[in-house]
N, C-alpha and C. Protein backbone atom coordinates (compact mmCIF):
# COMPACT_ATOMS: atom_id res chain seq x y z
N MET A 1 -60.93 45.34 -5.77
CA MET A 1 -61.57 46.07 -7.37
C MET A 1 -60.29 46.78 -7.95
N VAL A 2 -59.69 45.96 -9.73
CA VAL A 2 -58.93 47.07 -10.12
C VAL A 2 -59.31 48.25 -11.32
N ASN A 3 -58.58 49.54 -10.36
CA ASN A 3 -59.67 49.96 -11.60
C ASN A 3 -59.30 50.25 -13.36
N SER A 4 -59.96 49.62 -14.01
CA SER A 4 -60.37 49.17 -15.50
C SER A 4 -59.69 50.43 -16.18
N ASN A 5 -60.07 51.29 -16.19
CA ASN A 5 -59.90 53.16 -16.83
C ASN A 5 -58.28 52.92 -17.06
N LYS A 6 -58.39 52.68 -15.86
CA LYS A 6 -55.79 53.10 -15.53
C LYS A 6 -54.95 51.82 -16.24
N ILE A 7 -55.76 50.67 -16.49
CA ILE A 7 -54.72 49.24 -16.54
C ILE A 7 -54.78 48.93 -17.88
N LYS A 8 -56.54 49.82 -18.19
CA LYS A 8 -56.27 49.87 -19.82
C LYS A 8 -55.07 50.49 -20.70
N GLY A 9 -55.67 51.80 -19.71
CA GLY A 9 -54.75 53.49 -20.42
C GLY A 9 -53.27 52.80 -20.75
N ARG A 10 -52.87 52.31 -19.38
CA ARG A 10 -51.52 52.44 -19.29
C ARG A 10 -50.71 51.19 -19.96
N LEU A 11 -51.87 50.11 -20.37
CA LEU A 11 -52.15 49.42 -21.84
C LEU A 11 -50.94 49.76 -22.72
N VAL A 12 -52.59 51.18 -23.31
CA VAL A 12 -52.31 51.20 -24.61
C VAL A 12 -50.35 51.70 -24.58
N GLU A 13 -50.72 53.06 -23.64
CA GLU A 13 -48.97 54.26 -23.57
C GLU A 13 -47.96 53.07 -23.36
N LEU A 14 -48.11 51.89 -23.41
CA LEU A 14 -47.23 50.96 -22.79
C LEU A 14 -46.71 50.05 -24.51
N GLY A 15 -47.72 50.19 -25.28
CA GLY A 15 -47.74 49.16 -26.51
C GLY A 15 -48.45 47.74 -26.09
N LEU A 16 -48.72 47.43 -25.37
CA LEU A 16 -49.18 45.81 -24.77
C LEU A 16 -51.26 46.24 -25.57
N THR A 17 -50.81 44.92 -25.31
CA THR A 17 -52.30 44.14 -25.29
C THR A 17 -53.00 43.10 -23.82
N GLN A 18 -53.72 42.20 -24.17
CA GLN A 18 -54.14 42.06 -23.43
C GLN A 18 -53.80 40.14 -23.38
N LYS A 19 -53.23 40.00 -24.37
CA LYS A 19 -52.48 38.41 -24.98
C LYS A 19 -50.63 38.88 -24.16
N ASP A 20 -50.85 40.14 -23.91
CA ASP A 20 -49.02 40.03 -22.81
C ASP A 20 -49.52 40.12 -21.81
N VAL A 21 -50.63 40.45 -20.94
CA VAL A 21 -51.02 40.59 -19.60
C VAL A 21 -51.17 38.80 -19.63
N SER A 22 -52.29 37.72 -20.26
CA SER A 22 -52.94 36.78 -19.74
C SER A 22 -51.45 35.97 -20.17
N THR A 23 -50.20 36.98 -21.10
CA THR A 23 -49.42 35.34 -20.80
C THR A 23 -48.26 36.32 -19.01
N ALA A 24 -48.06 37.18 -19.22
CA ALA A 24 -47.46 37.59 -17.70
C ALA A 24 -48.42 37.51 -16.66
N LEU A 25 -49.38 36.27 -16.82
CA LEU A 25 -50.43 36.91 -15.49
C LEU A 25 -49.98 34.64 -15.76
N ASN A 26 -49.38 34.08 -17.25
CA ASN A 26 -49.77 32.88 -17.05
C ASN A 26 -51.45 32.24 -17.37
N ILE A 27 -52.22 32.74 -17.08
CA ILE A 27 -53.93 32.41 -17.80
C ILE A 27 -54.25 32.75 -19.14
N ALA A 28 -55.30 32.29 -19.40
CA ALA A 28 -56.17 32.73 -20.66
C ALA A 28 -56.22 33.65 -20.77
N GLN A 29 -56.52 34.51 -22.37
CA GLN A 29 -56.49 35.67 -22.41
C GLN A 29 -58.50 35.89 -22.06
N PRO A 30 -58.98 35.75 -22.54
CA PRO A 30 -60.24 35.84 -22.28
C PRO A 30 -60.08 35.46 -20.30
N THR A 31 -59.71 35.11 -19.57
CA THR A 31 -60.21 34.86 -18.05
C THR A 31 -58.98 36.25 -17.84
N ALA A 32 -57.71 36.80 -18.63
CA ALA A 32 -57.29 38.39 -18.09
C ALA A 32 -57.96 38.73 -18.70
N ASN A 33 -58.55 39.26 -19.33
CA ASN A 33 -59.76 40.40 -19.47
C ASN A 33 -60.82 40.08 -18.40
N GLN A 34 -61.49 39.22 -18.36
CA GLN A 34 -61.91 39.24 -16.77
C GLN A 34 -61.45 39.52 -15.60
N LYS A 35 -60.28 39.55 -15.95
CA LYS A 35 -60.34 40.33 -14.25
C LYS A 35 -59.65 42.06 -14.71
N ILE A 36 -58.77 42.89 -15.89
CA ILE A 36 -59.18 43.26 -15.95
C ILE A 36 -60.58 44.45 -15.69
N ASN A 37 -61.99 43.81 -16.13
CA ASN A 37 -62.83 44.48 -16.75
C ASN A 37 -63.75 43.89 -15.26
N ASN A 38 -62.83 43.35 -14.18
CA ASN A 38 -63.62 43.55 -13.04
C ASN A 38 -65.55 41.92 -12.90
N VAL A 39 -64.89 40.96 -13.94
CA VAL A 39 -65.95 39.81 -14.14
C VAL A 39 -65.61 39.05 -13.35
N ARG A 40 -63.94 38.94 -13.33
CA ARG A 40 -63.65 37.63 -12.21
C ARG A 40 -62.54 38.86 -11.24
N PRO A 41 -62.13 37.94 -9.71
CA PRO A 41 -61.43 38.69 -8.96
C PRO A 41 -60.17 38.65 -8.91
N MET A 42 -58.90 39.19 -9.21
CA MET A 42 -57.85 39.43 -9.43
C MET A 42 -56.88 39.10 -7.71
N ASP A 43 -56.17 38.48 -7.57
CA ASP A 43 -55.45 38.03 -6.08
C ASP A 43 -54.00 38.75 -6.72
N LEU A 44 -53.71 39.27 -5.33
CA LEU A 44 -52.42 39.82 -5.11
C LEU A 44 -50.57 39.67 -5.83
N ASN A 45 -50.90 38.14 -5.94
CA ASN A 45 -49.61 37.61 -6.59
C ASN A 45 -49.67 38.29 -7.82
N GLU A 46 -50.41 38.10 -8.65
CA GLU A 46 -51.42 38.53 -10.55
C GLU A 46 -51.89 40.47 -10.28
N ALA A 47 -51.49 40.74 -9.91
CA ALA A 47 -51.71 42.55 -8.83
C ALA A 47 -50.08 42.84 -8.89
N GLU A 48 -49.61 41.83 -9.11
CA GLU A 48 -47.79 42.13 -8.29
C GLU A 48 -47.52 41.62 -9.99
N ARG A 49 -47.10 41.08 -10.49
CA ARG A 49 -46.98 40.86 -11.53
C ARG A 49 -47.88 41.27 -13.01
N LEU A 50 -48.91 42.52 -12.54
CA LEU A 50 -49.39 43.15 -13.70
C LEU A 50 -48.65 44.36 -13.53
N SER A 51 -48.11 44.97 -12.47
CA SER A 51 -47.47 46.04 -11.68
C SER A 51 -46.67 45.99 -12.72
N GLU A 52 -45.45 44.70 -12.23
CA GLU A 52 -44.18 44.98 -13.26
C GLU A 52 -43.77 44.69 -14.83
N LEU A 53 -45.38 43.94 -15.11
CA LEU A 53 -45.44 44.45 -16.59
C LEU A 53 -45.71 46.17 -17.58
N LEU A 54 -46.63 45.80 -16.30
CA LEU A 54 -47.17 48.02 -16.38
C LEU A 54 -46.58 49.04 -16.06
N LYS A 55 -45.37 48.73 -15.38
CA LYS A 55 -44.47 49.07 -14.58
C LYS A 55 -45.07 50.38 -13.49
N ILE A 56 -45.48 50.22 -13.41
CA ILE A 56 -46.47 50.57 -12.02
C ILE A 56 -45.68 50.31 -10.73
N SER A 57 -45.72 52.06 -10.26
CA SER A 57 -43.78 52.08 -9.42
C SER A 57 -45.50 52.22 -8.26
N PRO A 58 -44.68 51.03 -6.63
CA PRO A 58 -45.37 50.36 -5.59
C PRO A 58 -46.29 52.12 -5.28
N GLU A 59 -45.80 53.46 -5.62
CA GLU A 59 -46.79 54.45 -5.25
C GLU A 59 -47.23 54.23 -5.69
N GLU A 60 -47.45 53.84 -7.04
CA GLU A 60 -48.91 54.04 -8.10
C GLU A 60 -50.11 52.96 -7.42
N PHE A 61 -49.38 51.96 -6.93
CA PHE A 61 -50.05 50.55 -7.21
C PHE A 61 -51.65 50.90 -7.09
N ARG A 62 -51.75 51.27 -5.78
CA ARG A 62 -52.62 52.13 -4.74
C ARG A 62 -54.15 52.70 -6.41
N GLU A 63 -53.31 53.49 -6.57
CA GLU A 63 -54.19 54.05 -7.61
C GLU A 63 -55.56 53.27 -9.00
N TYR A 64 -54.10 51.80 -8.83
CA TYR A 64 -54.60 50.74 -10.23
C TYR A 64 -55.28 49.91 -9.94
N PHE A 65 -55.09 49.19 -8.43
CA PHE A 65 -55.91 48.22 -8.03
C PHE A 65 -56.75 48.03 -5.98
N PHE A 66 -56.68 49.21 -6.36
CA PHE A 66 -57.24 49.38 -4.95
C PHE A 66 -59.20 50.76 -5.10
N VAL A 67 -59.09 49.92 -5.72
CA VAL A 67 -60.65 51.53 -6.08
C VAL A 67 -62.06 51.18 -5.29
């Protein structure tokens, strides 16, 4: 389960949209929305790609992706 609030906050901080997330993860925009909102599970590869997009350090990774 991802920390939706932290991910959404980070998107705002960096001026990114869920469209940017869907492009980075190579998935449809509604699917990206569902993954960010914990409707669909996010796999580890997706979490790693999203952490790169959001410039999340390895030390912070757990705060965003293991709630």
